[in-house]
Amino acid sequence: MCGRYTFTFDAKTLGEAFDLVPPGFTIVKGYNIAPGQHIVIVRPERDRLVADIAHWGLIPGWVKDPNTSPKPINARAETLEEKPTFRTAFRRKRCIVPASGFYEWKVEGRTKQPFYIHPTDGDLFAFAALLEDWQGPHGEVMISTCIITTEPNELMASIHDRMPVILPKAAWHAWLDPAVQVRELKPLLVPLPAERMAAYPVSSAVGSVRNDGPELIHPVA
């Protein structure tokens, strides 16, 4: 799964990476971004890409009460077409969650050791994600998202049995284009090559969402 990540870009860096229209909101960095929070996404809008804010936890349009419904933070790549919660978004409403890295916990006996995983080239991770814009009975709109996961590559297999789908830059346009068919997208839902990622253990302090700061990504022995 993917349940915690980091976002350490400023608006200029994000804009240059995706050739974005400047966002109309203040981008806040985070070293311990967690489900239920509002996060930065990149999505298509007419003939351009824009940065937006979405609730991390998908709320399909057919949900009657988002306060009581499940809000999945991840969607398995293997079953996107089968699950009603994800089917429509996979076909027509896709986005990218930009990240500078993510955390995963390795379980050994009773011990859970968090690891920080980041790009080896110093660039960013582009998580493949789904988008929904739930509309309430009084016209209120709630934009939400979830991150797609897949089987692990060689690096991640030693830590966890799932990892986020991380899109190479050459795949961004196709993923974000609502006209692209599902059959063309399925080949993208694979693990990023292990050589493009690095991982190291970090402090267990990342386990608490109340902790947030650059010290969380410092290596520990």
Protein backbone atom coordinates (compact mmCIF):
# COMPACT_ATOMS: atom_id res chain seq x y z
CA MET A 1 0.00 0.00 0.00
CA CYS A 2 0.98 3.64 0.06
CA GLY A 3 -0.09 5.39 3.24
CA ARG A 4 2.50 8.12 3.91
CA TYR A 5 4.60 10.27 1.64
CA THR A 6 6.55 13.51 1.38
CA PHE A 7 5.96 16.57 -0.75
CA THR A 8 8.83 19.05 -0.59
CA PHE A 9 8.46 21.08 -3.79
CA ASP A 10 7.71 24.76 -4.18
CA ALA A 11 5.29 26.09 -6.79
CA LYS A 12 8.10 26.89 -9.24
CA THR A 13 9.55 23.37 -9.16
CA LEU A 14 6.14 21.77 -9.52
CA GLY A 15 5.18 24.11 -12.36
CA GLU A 16 8.37 23.42 -14.29
CA ALA A 17 8.06 19.65 -13.88
CA PHE A 18 4.54 19.48 -15.29
CA ASP A 19 4.41 22.69 -17.35
CA LEU A 20 1.55 23.86 -15.16
CA VAL A 21 -0.54 26.94 -15.01
CA PRO A 22 0.59 28.60 -11.72
CA PRO A 23 -1.63 27.29 -8.90
CA GLY A 24 -4.07 29.69 -7.31
CA PHE A 25 -3.27 28.47 -3.81
CA THR A 26 -0.29 28.30 -1.50
CA ILE A 27 1.64 25.05 -1.79
CA VAL A 28 2.52 23.68 1.63
CA LYS A 29 5.41 21.25 2.03
CA GLY A 30 4.96 18.13 4.12
CA TYR A 31 7.24 15.37 5.38
CA ASN A 32 4.51 13.12 6.76
CA ILE A 33 1.46 13.42 4.52
CA ALA A 34 -1.27 11.02 5.63
CA PRO A 35 -4.70 9.76 4.53
CA GLY A 36 -7.58 12.11 5.23
CA GLN A 37 -5.49 15.19 4.54
CA HIS A 38 -5.87 17.52 1.58
CA ILE A 39 -3.05 16.96 -0.89
CA VAL A 40 -1.69 18.45 -4.12
CA ILE A 41 -2.68 16.71 -7.35
CA VAL A 42 -2.07 17.40 -11.04
CA ARG A 43 -5.08 17.01 -13.31
CA PRO A 44 -6.20 17.97 -16.81
CA GLU A 45 -8.47 20.96 -17.39
CA ARG A 46 -9.53 21.44 -20.99
CA ASP A 47 -6.27 21.62 -22.97
CA ARG A 48 -3.91 22.25 -20.07
CA LEU A 49 -2.69 20.79 -16.78
CA VAL A 50 -3.45 22.41 -13.44
CA ALA A 51 -2.49 21.82 -9.84
CA ASP A 52 -5.40 21.29 -7.47
CA ILE A 53 -6.15 20.19 -3.92
CA ALA A 54 -7.95 16.91 -3.20
CA HIS A 55 -8.99 14.93 -0.15
CA TRP A 56 -6.86 11.79 0.14
CA GLY A 57 -9.56 9.14 0.30
CA LEU A 58 -11.76 8.58 -2.76
CA ILE A 59 -15.44 9.53 -2.64
CA PRO A 60 -17.32 8.21 -5.71
CA GLY A 61 -20.03 10.39 -7.18
CA TRP A 62 -22.79 7.93 -6.26
CA VAL A 63 -22.05 8.13 -2.51
CA LYS A 64 -24.95 9.68 -0.59
CA ASP A 65 -23.10 10.74 2.56
CA PRO A 66 -19.31 11.13 2.38
CA ASN A 67 -19.15 11.43 6.16
CA THR A 68 -20.22 7.83 6.65
CA SER A 69 -18.95 6.09 3.50
CA PRO A 70 -15.60 4.29 3.15
CA LYS A 71 -12.88 6.45 1.57
CA PRO A 72 -10.22 4.16 0.11
CA ILE A 73 -6.74 5.71 -0.04
CA ASN A 74 -5.37 3.06 -2.42
CA ALA A 75 -6.73 1.10 -5.38
CA ARG A 76 -5.18 -2.15 -6.59
CA ALA A 77 -4.10 -1.92 -10.24
CA GLU A 78 -5.23 -5.48 -10.87
CA THR A 79 -8.90 -4.84 -10.03
CA LEU A 80 -9.59 -1.27 -11.18
CA GLU A 81 -12.07 -2.37 -13.84
CA GLU A 82 -13.87 -4.76 -11.50
CA LYS A 83 -14.57 -2.49 -8.53
CA PRO A 84 -17.49 -0.06 -8.88
CA THR A 85 -15.67 2.36 -6.57
CA PHE A 86 -12.84 2.79 -9.07
CA ARG A 87 -14.23 1.81 -12.47
CA THR A 88 -15.58 5.17 -13.62
CA ALA A 89 -12.60 7.16 -12.38
CA PHE A 90 -10.19 4.77 -14.11
CA ARG A 91 -11.97 5.31 -17.40
CA ARG A 92 -12.45 9.07 -17.29
CA LYS A 93 -10.98 10.77 -14.20
CA ARG A 94 -7.28 10.21 -13.69
CA CYS A 95 -4.74 12.42 -12.00
CA ILE A 96 -1.18 12.38 -10.69
CA VAL A 97 -0.07 12.79 -7.08
CA PRO A 98 3.43 14.31 -7.13
CA ALA A 99 5.74 13.21 -4.31
CA SER A 100 9.38 13.60 -3.38
CA GLY A 101 9.35 10.20 -1.65
CA PHE A 102 7.21 7.83 0.39
CA TYR A 103 7.39 5.65 3.49
CA GLU A 104 6.78 1.98 3.92
CA TRP A 105 7.05 -0.27 6.96
CA LYS A 106 8.99 -3.54 6.96
CA VAL A 107 7.61 -6.08 9.42
CA GLU A 108 10.04 -8.48 11.09
CA GLY A 109 8.46 -10.42 13.92
CA ARG A 110 7.00 -7.82 16.27
CA THR A 111 9.14 -5.03 14.87
CA LYS A 112 7.95 -2.55 12.24
CA GLN A 113 10.80 -0.56 10.74
CA PRO A 114 9.85 2.44 8.56
CA PHE A 115 11.83 3.00 5.36
CA TYR A 116 12.01 6.11 3.23
CA ILE A 117 11.96 5.51 -0.52
CA HIS A 118 13.02 8.26 -2.93
CA PRO A 119 14.07 8.73 -6.58
CA THR A 120 17.75 8.06 -7.29
CA ASP A 121 17.89 10.89 -9.84
CA GLY A 122 16.78 13.58 -7.40
CA ASP A 123 13.61 14.17 -9.42
CA LEU A 124 10.05 13.48 -8.25
CA PHE A 125 7.72 10.51 -8.11
CA ALA A 126 4.49 10.80 -10.10
CA PHE A 127 1.97 8.46 -8.46
CA ALA A 128 -0.81 7.26 -10.75
CA ALA A 129 -4.06 8.22 -9.05
CA LEU A 130 -7.81 8.39 -9.54
CA LEU A 131 -9.98 11.47 -9.18
CA GLU A 132 -13.60 12.02 -8.18
CA ASP A 133 -15.61 15.22 -7.73
CA TRP A 134 -18.52 14.36 -5.46
CA GLN A 135 -21.40 16.84 -5.58
CA GLY A 136 -23.78 17.25 -2.66
CA PRO A 137 -27.50 18.03 -2.70
CA HIS A 138 -26.86 21.72 -2.04
CA GLY A 139 -24.26 22.18 -4.76
CA GLU A 140 -21.22 21.54 -2.59
CA VAL A 141 -18.29 19.82 -4.35
CA MET A 142 -15.62 17.64 -2.78
CA ILE A 143 -12.62 16.64 -4.90
CA SER A 144 -11.00 13.41 -3.75
CA THR A 145 -8.30 11.01 -4.86
CA CYS A 146 -6.66 7.66 -4.20
CA ILE A 147 -3.27 6.26 -5.21
CA ILE A 148 -3.00 3.14 -7.35
CA THR A 149 -0.74 0.34 -6.13
CA THR A 150 0.87 -2.61 -7.86
CA GLU A 151 3.19 -5.53 -7.11
CA PRO A 152 6.64 -4.59 -5.79
CA ASN A 153 9.85 -4.37 -7.75
CA GLU A 154 13.03 -6.04 -6.50
CA LEU A 155 13.85 -3.22 -4.09
CA MET A 156 10.38 -2.92 -2.59
CA ALA A 157 9.85 -6.69 -2.33
CA SER A 158 12.33 -6.76 0.56
CA ILE A 159 10.21 -4.17 2.41
CA HIS A 160 6.55 -4.67 1.47
CA ASP A 161 4.33 -6.64 -0.89
CA ARG A 162 2.85 -3.56 -2.61
CA MET A 163 4.11 -0.25 -3.95
CA PRO A 164 2.54 2.79 -5.64
CA VAL A 165 2.36 2.88 -9.42
CA ILE A 166 5.00 5.49 -10.32
CA LEU A 167 4.64 6.83 -13.84
CA PRO A 168 7.70 7.68 -15.95
CA LYS A 169 7.55 11.14 -17.49
CA ALA A 170 6.88 9.69 -20.94
CA ALA A 171 3.58 8.27 -19.62
CA TRP A 172 2.22 11.39 -17.94
CA HIS A 173 0.40 12.74 -20.98
CA ALA A 174 -1.40 9.47 -21.73
CA TRP A 175 -2.40 8.93 -18.11
CA LEU A 176 -3.90 12.39 -17.79
CA ASP A 177 -5.68 12.41 -21.15
CA PRO A 178 -9.34 11.43 -20.55
CA ALA A 179 -9.65 10.37 -24.20
CA VAL A 180 -7.08 7.57 -23.81
CA GLN A 181 -8.73 4.16 -23.50
CA VAL A 182 -8.28 1.80 -20.56
CA ARG A 183 -6.65 -0.84 -22.74
CA GLU A 184 -3.87 1.65 -23.52
CA LEU A 185 -3.36 2.46 -19.84
CA LYS A 186 -3.06 -1.02 -18.40
CA PRO A 187 0.58 -1.46 -19.54
CA LEU A 188 1.46 1.60 -17.43
CA LEU A 189 0.31 -0.02 -14.18
CA VAL A 190 3.61 -1.77 -13.46
CA PRO A 191 6.41 -1.31 -10.90
CA LEU A 192 8.98 1.38 -11.55
CA PRO A 193 12.39 -0.22 -12.24
CA ALA A 194 14.22 -0.75 -8.95
CA GLU A 195 17.34 1.09 -10.12
CA ARG A 196 15.35 4.34 -10.21
CA MET A 197 14.61 4.11 -6.48
CA ALA A 198 16.60 4.02 -3.24
CA ALA A 199 15.48 3.11 0.29
CA TYR A 200 16.88 3.45 3.79
CA PRO A 201 15.53 3.07 7.37
CA VAL A 202 14.26 6.14 9.20
CA SER A 203 12.99 6.97 12.67
CA SER A 204 9.79 5.44 14.00
CA ALA A 205 8.67 9.02 14.71
CA VAL A 206 7.10 9.02 11.25
CA GLY A 207 4.45 6.68 12.66
CA SER A 208 2.70 9.64 14.30
CA VAL A 209 0.97 12.08 11.94
CA ARG A 210 1.65 14.81 14.51
CA ASN A 211 5.32 14.69 13.58
CA ASP A 212 6.32 16.60 10.48
CA GLY A 213 9.73 17.92 9.49
CA PRO A 214 12.90 17.15 7.50
CA GLU A 215 14.30 15.12 10.39
CA LEU A 216 11.80 12.38 9.51
CA ILE A 217 13.71 11.50 6.33
CA HIS A 218 17.14 11.39 8.02
CA PRO A 219 18.66 7.87 7.89
CA VAL A 220 19.03 5.89 11.11
CA ALA A 221 21.39 3.02 11.84
